[in-house]
């Protein structure tokens, strides 16, 4: 009898708990991200989340235009006293998806908050759907997404990194109703344009703020604006023309990871000259490509990769003598010698990108210091 009574009591307790109304969290108010501070951008565009006004460059291929419409390297800077931050975004058709592209970077947002003077990782959130055409057309990615919650009261300075491989058509930042949110003045200095391959775009990174340009920017305090173009950083002279017109203080190029030896030979000088046509004194810093782990055991890959590195070293030895304020940073083993940083044989994951940023920091900063950029 006692067992039966105990069972009834337990059942009543369970029912009463399940029937109790759930506590609602604070209401959310949304602010258009265009009212806050956009970082990582040097070009005026009709869509604020495109990196270049692609329609104004007729030479761009469809693939190049699609990549430049993606939000890689763009950051929203703001301060808020809210205990949570959410986002509500709409995605465009230029979004892409691949086997080694985690959702955290394809459609995800990465939040950093300043603590004790340093930018500290705070959160990374993404929807659980890939940005396929059907998903985008159905608006399945347009639902609100809580990036972080449960924070303490008090004002926080925030950097929200936007998805690397998605085109955004709108973006709102959500905070608690009654909380403050306002634009944060640009915490970085100068304007450093970075042109590069999928390495620069951020392929295989584990978070939108965990690419080598992002690591480099936070470590140096420089405003780095990424023109990463996966597979399409090929020293195109018409892109050199763009970089000259944006009037950056310096241009850093991961320019030897995609083109073949013959293309490098044909385009390196026209590219430099196209930049200099509109910005004659800009320092141009070329980086050598990194060691690709796919060459470890495949003879053909080893021969091709080493041949390209040798050719670049020989060519750049001549180029830096021909052109004033053109430099070549040739740091060996940028991602380490322990062979543990590769995600797919070509791209590092974020630990490798962090090592890369650290490896080039001193030589790049030494060059920039010569031009009073420090």
Protein backbone atom coordinates (compact mmCIF):
# COMPACT_ATOMS: atom_id res chain seq x y z
CA UNK A 1 0.00 0.00 0.00
CA UNK A 2 2.83 2.37 0.90
CA UNK A 3 4.46 1.71 -2.46
CA UNK A 4 1.22 2.54 -4.27
CA UNK A 5 0.81 5.80 -2.33
CA UNK A 6 4.42 6.75 -3.00
CA UNK A 7 3.91 6.14 -6.73
CA UNK A 8 0.81 8.34 -6.74
CA UNK A 9 2.63 11.15 -4.93
CA UNK A 10 5.52 10.99 -7.41
CA UNK A 11 3.10 11.04 -10.35
CA UNK A 12 1.33 14.11 -8.94
CA UNK A 13 4.66 15.90 -8.44
CA UNK A 14 5.75 15.15 -12.03
CA UNK A 15 2.44 16.37 -13.42
CA UNK A 16 2.54 19.56 -11.34
CA UNK A 17 6.09 20.36 -12.48
CA UNK A 18 5.32 19.69 -16.14
CA UNK A 19 2.15 21.76 -15.90
CA UNK A 20 3.97 24.73 -14.36
CA UNK A 21 4.38 27.60 -16.81
CA UNK A 22 7.89 27.93 -18.21
CA UNK A 23 9.76 31.08 -17.33
CA UNK A 24 10.10 33.36 -20.31
CA UNK A 25 13.43 35.07 -20.90
CA UNK A 26 13.65 38.79 -21.55
CA UNK A 27 12.23 40.05 -24.83
CA UNK A 28 14.68 40.71 -27.64
CA UNK A 29 15.10 43.97 -29.51
CA UNK A 30 16.93 43.94 -32.82
CA UNK A 31 19.15 46.61 -34.32
CA UNK A 32 20.11 46.72 -37.98
CA UNK A 33 23.81 45.88 -38.17
CA UNK A 34 24.35 48.78 -40.57
CA UNK A 35 23.75 51.12 -37.60
CA UNK A 36 26.81 49.63 -35.88
CA UNK A 37 30.48 49.63 -36.98
CA UNK A 38 31.50 47.51 -39.97
CA UNK A 39 35.15 46.39 -39.94
CA UNK A 40 37.18 44.48 -42.51
CA UNK A 41 35.92 46.45 -45.48
CA UNK A 42 37.50 48.99 -47.82
CA UNK A 43 34.97 49.27 -50.67
CA UNK A 44 31.58 50.97 -50.82
CA UNK A 45 28.96 48.46 -51.95
CA UNK A 46 25.22 48.46 -52.55
CA UNK A 47 24.90 45.35 -50.38
CA UNK A 48 26.83 46.28 -47.21
CA UNK A 49 27.93 42.66 -46.70
CA UNK A 50 29.67 42.34 -50.07
CA UNK A 51 33.41 43.04 -50.02
CA UNK A 52 33.52 44.55 -53.51
CA UNK A 53 30.91 46.09 -55.82
CA UNK A 54 31.29 43.19 -58.23
CA UNK A 55 29.02 44.67 -60.90
CA UNK A 56 31.55 47.47 -61.40
CA UNK A 57 34.32 45.04 -62.40
CA UNK A 58 33.27 43.46 -65.72
CA UNK A 59 36.41 41.31 -65.92
CA UNK A 60 35.39 39.21 -62.92
CA UNK A 61 34.36 35.65 -63.66
CA UNK A 62 31.11 34.38 -62.16
CA UNK A 63 33.10 32.41 -59.57
CA UNK A 64 35.24 35.40 -58.59
CA UNK A 65 32.17 37.60 -58.22
CA UNK A 66 30.41 34.99 -56.10
CA UNK A 67 33.38 34.68 -53.74
CA UNK A 68 33.70 38.45 -53.29
CA UNK A 69 30.01 38.65 -52.34
CA UNK A 70 30.67 36.35 -49.40
CA UNK A 71 31.25 37.99 -46.03
CA UNK A 72 34.66 36.53 -45.16
CA UNK A 73 36.61 38.88 -42.89
CA UNK A 74 33.73 41.25 -42.21
CA UNK A 75 33.11 42.12 -38.56
CA UNK A 76 30.42 44.06 -36.69
CA UNK A 77 31.85 46.02 -33.74
CA UNK A 78 29.52 47.16 -30.97
CA UNK A 79 29.18 47.55 -27.23
CA UNK A 80 26.25 46.38 -25.13
CA UNK A 81 25.26 45.70 -21.55
CA UNK A 82 22.92 42.88 -22.57
CA UNK A 83 23.27 39.45 -20.98
CA UNK A 84 22.80 37.81 -24.37
CA UNK A 85 23.46 38.47 -28.06
CA UNK A 86 21.49 37.00 -30.93
CA UNK A 87 21.44 37.45 -34.70
CA UNK A 88 18.81 37.37 -37.40
CA UNK A 89 20.19 37.12 -40.92
CA UNK A 90 19.02 36.51 -44.47
CA UNK A 91 21.25 34.59 -46.87
CA UNK A 92 21.82 35.12 -50.58
CA UNK A 93 22.53 32.77 -53.51
CA UNK A 94 26.30 33.37 -53.46
CA UNK A 95 26.59 31.20 -50.34
CA UNK A 96 28.56 27.97 -50.81
CA UNK A 97 29.17 24.70 -49.04
CA UNK A 98 31.89 22.04 -49.25
CA UNK A 99 33.05 18.81 -47.65
CA UNK A 100 35.64 20.54 -45.44
CA UNK A 101 33.58 23.65 -44.65
CA UNK A 102 32.12 23.40 -41.14
CA UNK A 103 28.78 25.09 -40.54
CA UNK A 104 30.52 27.17 -37.86
CA UNK A 105 32.25 29.11 -40.63
CA UNK A 106 29.93 28.57 -43.61
CA UNK A 107 26.85 30.09 -42.02
CA UNK A 108 28.07 30.70 -38.47
CA UNK A 109 28.91 33.73 -36.37
CA UNK A 110 31.92 34.01 -34.05
CA UNK A 111 31.85 36.44 -31.12
CA UNK A 112 34.92 37.91 -29.40
CA UNK A 113 34.65 40.15 -26.32
CA UNK A 114 37.40 42.32 -24.88
CA UNK A 115 38.67 41.25 -21.47
CA UNK A 116 41.66 42.72 -19.64
CA UNK A 117 42.67 44.51 -22.83
CA UNK A 118 42.62 41.44 -25.09
CA UNK A 119 40.02 40.10 -27.50
CA UNK A 120 38.82 36.78 -26.07
CA UNK A 121 36.77 34.10 -27.80
CA UNK A 122 33.23 34.21 -26.41
CA UNK A 123 30.96 32.09 -28.60
CA UNK A 124 30.41 30.49 -31.99
CA UNK A 125 26.97 29.54 -33.26
CA UNK A 126 25.47 28.41 -36.55
CA UNK A 127 22.26 26.94 -37.88
CA UNK A 128 22.33 23.19 -38.42
CA UNK A 129 21.56 23.40 -42.13
CA UNK A 130 23.95 23.83 -45.03
CA UNK A 131 23.26 26.89 -47.23
CA UNK A 132 21.98 24.96 -50.24
CA UNK A 133 19.82 26.75 -52.79
CA UNK A 134 16.66 25.02 -51.53
CA UNK A 135 17.39 25.87 -47.88
CA UNK A 136 18.06 29.52 -48.73
CA UNK A 137 14.98 29.84 -50.96
CA UNK A 138 12.81 28.35 -48.20
CA UNK A 139 14.17 30.90 -45.70
CA UNK A 140 15.19 28.14 -43.28
CA UNK A 141 18.31 30.06 -42.23
CA UNK A 142 16.44 33.28 -41.50
CA UNK A 143 15.34 32.28 -37.99
CA UNK A 144 16.87 34.07 -34.97
CA UNK A 145 20.02 32.46 -33.59
CA UNK A 146 21.22 33.02 -30.02
CA UNK A 147 25.00 33.42 -30.19
CA UNK A 148 25.56 33.69 -26.42
CA UNK A 149 23.42 33.94 -23.29
CA UNK A 150 23.85 33.96 -19.52
CA UNK A 151 26.46 36.73 -19.45
CA UNK A 152 26.90 39.01 -16.45
CA UNK A 153 25.49 42.51 -16.45
CA UNK A 154 27.83 45.31 -17.47
CA UNK A 155 29.05 46.83 -20.70
CA UNK A 156 30.99 44.63 -23.10
CA UNK A 157 32.98 45.53 -26.22
CA UNK A 158 32.18 43.00 -28.93
CA UNK A 159 33.47 41.85 -32.31
CA UNK A 160 31.02 39.68 -34.24
CA UNK A 161 32.71 37.91 -37.17
CA UNK A 162 30.35 37.17 -40.07
CA UNK A 163 30.13 33.84 -41.95
CA UNK A 164 33.11 33.15 -44.22
CA UNK A 165 31.34 31.41 -47.07
CA UNK A 166 27.87 32.95 -47.04
CA UNK A 167 26.37 35.94 -48.77
CA UNK A 168 24.25 37.97 -46.38
CA UNK A 169 21.40 40.11 -47.67
CA UNK A 170 20.41 41.47 -44.24
CA UNK A 171 21.60 41.24 -40.65
CA UNK A 172 20.18 42.33 -37.30
CA UNK A 173 21.84 42.08 -33.89
CA UNK A 174 19.55 41.20 -30.98
CA UNK A 175 19.97 42.17 -27.32
CA UNK A 176 17.69 42.21 -24.29
CA UNK A 177 14.81 44.67 -24.36
CA UNK A 178 15.92 47.62 -22.24
CA UNK A 179 19.64 46.91 -22.77
CA UNK A 180 21.90 49.31 -24.62
CA UNK A 181 23.67 48.57 -27.90
CA UNK A 182 25.69 51.08 -29.87
CA UNK A 183 28.47 51.29 -32.43
CA UNK A 184 31.98 50.69 -31.13
CA UNK A 185 34.59 53.02 -32.66
CA UNK A 186 37.05 51.09 -34.80
CA UNK A 187 39.50 49.60 -32.26
CA UNK A 188 42.09 48.90 -34.96
CA UNK A 189 44.44 51.26 -36.80
CA UNK A 190 45.43 51.82 -40.45
CA UNK A 191 43.92 49.85 -43.34
CA UNK A 192 45.78 46.72 -44.45
CA UNK A 193 44.33 45.00 -47.50
CA UNK A 194 45.00 41.26 -47.74
CA UNK A 195 44.56 39.45 -51.05
CA UNK A 196 44.71 35.69 -51.02
CA UNK A 197 43.61 32.16 -51.66
CA UNK A 198 41.35 29.81 -49.71
CA UNK A 199 43.96 30.09 -46.95
CA UNK A 200 43.10 33.77 -46.61
CA UNK A 201 39.38 33.18 -47.21
CA UNK A 202 39.44 30.77 -44.25
CA UNK A 203 38.80 27.31 -45.64
CA UNK A 204 38.76 24.66 -42.87
CA UNK A 205 38.96 27.23 -40.07
CA UNK A 206 36.86 26.24 -37.07
CA UNK A 207 35.34 29.68 -36.55
CA UNK A 208 34.80 32.85 -38.58
CA UNK A 209 37.23 34.76 -36.35
CA UNK A 210 39.88 32.03 -36.47
CA UNK A 211 41.47 32.72 -39.87
CA UNK A 212 45.07 33.91 -40.19
CA UNK A 213 44.02 37.50 -41.10
CA UNK A 214 41.78 37.60 -38.00
CA UNK A 215 44.52 36.25 -35.73
CA UNK A 216 47.00 38.72 -37.25
CA UNK A 217 44.63 41.66 -36.80
CA UNK A 218 43.89 40.99 -33.13
CA UNK A 219 47.58 40.35 -32.35
CA UNK A 220 48.86 43.52 -34.03
CA UNK A 221 45.94 45.91 -33.61
CA UNK A 222 45.90 46.57 -37.37
CA UNK A 223 42.66 46.89 -39.33
CA UNK A 224 42.98 43.97 -41.74
CA UNK A 225 40.56 43.83 -44.67
CA UNK A 226 40.43 40.40 -46.29
CA UNK A 227 39.99 39.84 -49.99
CA UNK A 228 40.33 36.07 -49.70
CA UNK A 229 39.05 34.32 -52.85
CA UNK A 230 39.16 30.56 -52.52
CA UNK A 231 41.03 29.05 -55.47
CA UNK A 232 41.04 32.35 -57.35
CA UNK A 233 43.94 34.41 -56.01
CA UNK A 234 45.84 34.41 -59.29
CA UNK A 235 47.46 37.85 -59.53
CA UNK A 236 44.67 39.18 -61.75
CA UNK A 237 45.70 42.67 -62.92
CA UNK A 238 42.10 43.91 -62.75
CA UNK A 239 42.06 43.04 -59.05
CA UNK A 240 45.36 44.86 -58.65
CA UNK A 241 43.55 47.87 -60.03
CA UNK A 242 40.91 47.48 -57.29
CA UNK A 243 43.52 47.29 -54.53
CA UNK A 244 45.18 50.45 -55.82
CA UNK A 245 41.89 52.35 -55.84
CA UNK A 246 40.88 51.45 -52.28
CA UNK A 247 43.87 53.45 -51.00
CA UNK A 248 44.93 50.96 -48.37
CA UNK A 249 48.01 51.78 -46.32
CA UNK A 250 49.61 48.47 -47.31
CA UNK A 251 48.79 45.38 -49.36
CA UNK A 252 49.68 41.86 -48.18
CA UNK A 253 49.38 39.10 -50.78
CA UNK A 254 48.99 35.36 -50.32
CA UNK A 255 49.37 35.29 -54.09
CA UNK A 256 51.37 32.13 -54.84
CA UNK A 257 49.06 29.46 -53.44
CA UNK A 258 46.68 29.20 -56.42
CA UNK A 259 48.43 30.12 -59.70
CA UNK A 260 50.71 27.85 -61.65
CA UNK A 261 54.35 28.70 -62.25
CA UNK A 262 53.55 29.95 -65.76
CA UNK A 263 50.73 32.21 -64.53
CA UNK A 264 52.95 33.65 -61.80
CA UNK A 265 55.60 34.47 -64.40
CA UNK A 266 53.08 36.11 -66.72
CA UNK A 267 51.16 38.14 -64.15
CA UNK A 268 53.43 39.17 -61.27
CA UNK A 269 54.69 42.38 -62.91
CA UNK A 270 51.36 43.48 -64.47
CA UNK A 271 49.71 42.92 -61.08
CA UNK A 272 52.22 45.13 -59.26
CA UNK A 273 51.95 47.81 -61.93
CA UNK A 274 48.14 47.78 -61.82
CA UNK A 275 48.22 48.38 -58.04
CA UNK A 276 50.80 51.14 -58.40
CA UNK A 277 48.86 52.91 -61.14
CA UNK A 278 46.44 54.29 -58.53
CA UNK A 279 48.56 54.03 -55.38
CA UNK A 280 52.18 54.50 -56.47
CA UNK A 281 53.84 54.34 -53.07
CA UNK A 282 51.91 51.57 -51.36
CA UNK A 283 54.10 48.84 -49.81
CA UNK A 284 53.22 45.47 -51.34
CA UNK A 285 54.22 42.46 -49.25
CA UNK A 286 54.11 39.03 -50.89
CA UNK A 287 53.98 35.89 -48.75
CA UNK A 288 55.25 32.53 -49.92
CA UNK A 289 52.74 29.71 -49.85
CA UNK A 290 52.71 27.26 -46.95
CA UNK A 291 53.83 23.64 -46.87
CA UNK A 292 50.95 21.39 -47.98
CA UNK A 293 50.77 18.07 -46.18
CA UNK A 294 49.47 16.34 -49.33
CA UNK A 295 53.07 16.26 -50.56
CA UNK A 296 54.25 14.02 -47.72
CA UNK A 297 53.89 10.73 -49.59
CA UNK A 298 52.72 11.58 -53.10
CA UNK A 299 55.69 12.05 -55.41
CA UNK A 300 53.82 14.15 -57.98
CA UNK A 301 52.56 16.56 -55.31
CA UNK A 302 56.02 16.88 -53.78
CA UNK A 303 57.54 17.74 -57.14
CA UNK A 304 54.85 20.28 -58.04
CA UNK A 305 54.83 22.02 -54.65
CA UNK A 306 58.59 22.27 -54.30
CA UNK A 307 58.91 23.42 -57.90
CA UNK A 308 56.49 26.27 -57.29
CA UNK A 309 58.22 27.34 -54.07
CA UNK A 310 61.64 27.30 -55.77
CA UNK A 311 60.32 29.28 -58.74
CA UNK A 312 58.70 31.89 -56.49
CA UNK A 313 61.88 32.36 -54.48
CA UNK A 314 63.92 32.84 -57.67
CA UNK A 315 61.37 35.19 -59.23
CA UNK A 316 60.83 37.32 -56.14
CA UNK A 317 64.58 37.78 -55.68
CA UNK A 318 64.46 39.68 -58.98
CA UNK A 319 61.14 41.44 -58.36
CA UNK A 320 62.17 43.07 -55.08
CA UNK A 321 65.17 44.57 -56.87
CA UNK A 322 63.07 45.85 -59.78
CA UNK A 323 60.32 47.50 -57.76
CA UNK A 324 60.67 49.90 -54.86
CA UNK A 325 58.64 49.05 -51.76
CA UNK A 326 57.86 45.52 -52.91
CA UNK A 327 58.81 42.84 -50.39
CA UNK A 328 58.89 39.07 -50.10
CA UNK A 329 58.31 37.41 -46.73
CA UNK A 330 59.60 33.87 -47.06
CA UNK A 331 59.23 32.30 -43.63
CA UNK A 332 59.82 28.52 -43.68
CA UNK A 333 57.47 26.15 -41.88
CA UNK A 334 54.82 28.79 -41.13
CA UNK A 335 52.44 26.17 -39.74
CA UNK A 336 55.11 24.13 -37.92
CA UNK A 337 57.24 21.07 -38.61
CA UNK A 338 55.24 18.54 -36.59
CA UNK A 339 52.68 17.92 -39.39
CA UNK A 340 49.65 18.11 -37.11
CA UNK A 341 47.78 21.17 -38.43
CA UNK A 342 46.32 19.98 -41.74
CA UNK A 343 42.60 19.44 -42.17
CA UNK A 344 42.57 18.03 -45.70
CA UNK A 345 46.16 17.92 -46.95
CA UNK A 346 45.96 21.47 -48.30
CA UNK A 347 44.35 23.72 -45.69
CA UNK A 348 45.25 24.04 -42.03
CA UNK A 349 42.57 24.11 -39.42
CA UNK A 350 42.56 27.09 -37.05
CA UNK A 351 45.59 26.02 -35.02
CA UNK A 352 47.62 26.08 -38.24
CA UNK A 353 46.25 29.50 -39.17
CA UNK A 354 47.23 30.78 -35.73
CA UNK A 355 50.77 29.50 -36.24
CA UNK A 356 50.87 31.09 -39.69
CA UNK A 357 49.85 34.49 -38.31
CA UNK A 358 52.48 34.22 -35.58
CA UNK A 359 55.20 33.18 -38.05
CA UNK A 360 54.75 36.18 -40.34
CA UNK A 361 53.97 38.78 -37.66
CA UNK A 362 57.52 39.98 -36.93
CA UNK A 363 58.78 40.22 -40.55
CA UNK A 364 55.58 41.88 -41.78
CA UNK A 365 55.50 44.36 -38.90
CA UNK A 366 59.18 45.18 -39.49
CA UNK A 367 58.37 46.09 -43.10
CA UNK A 368 55.31 48.12 -42.11
CA UNK A 369 57.34 50.00 -39.52
CA UNK A 370 59.66 51.21 -42.32
CA UNK A 371 56.54 52.90 -43.76
CA UNK A 372 55.53 54.37 -40.38
CA UNK A 373 52.73 51.81 -40.00
CA UNK A 374 53.02 50.55 -36.45
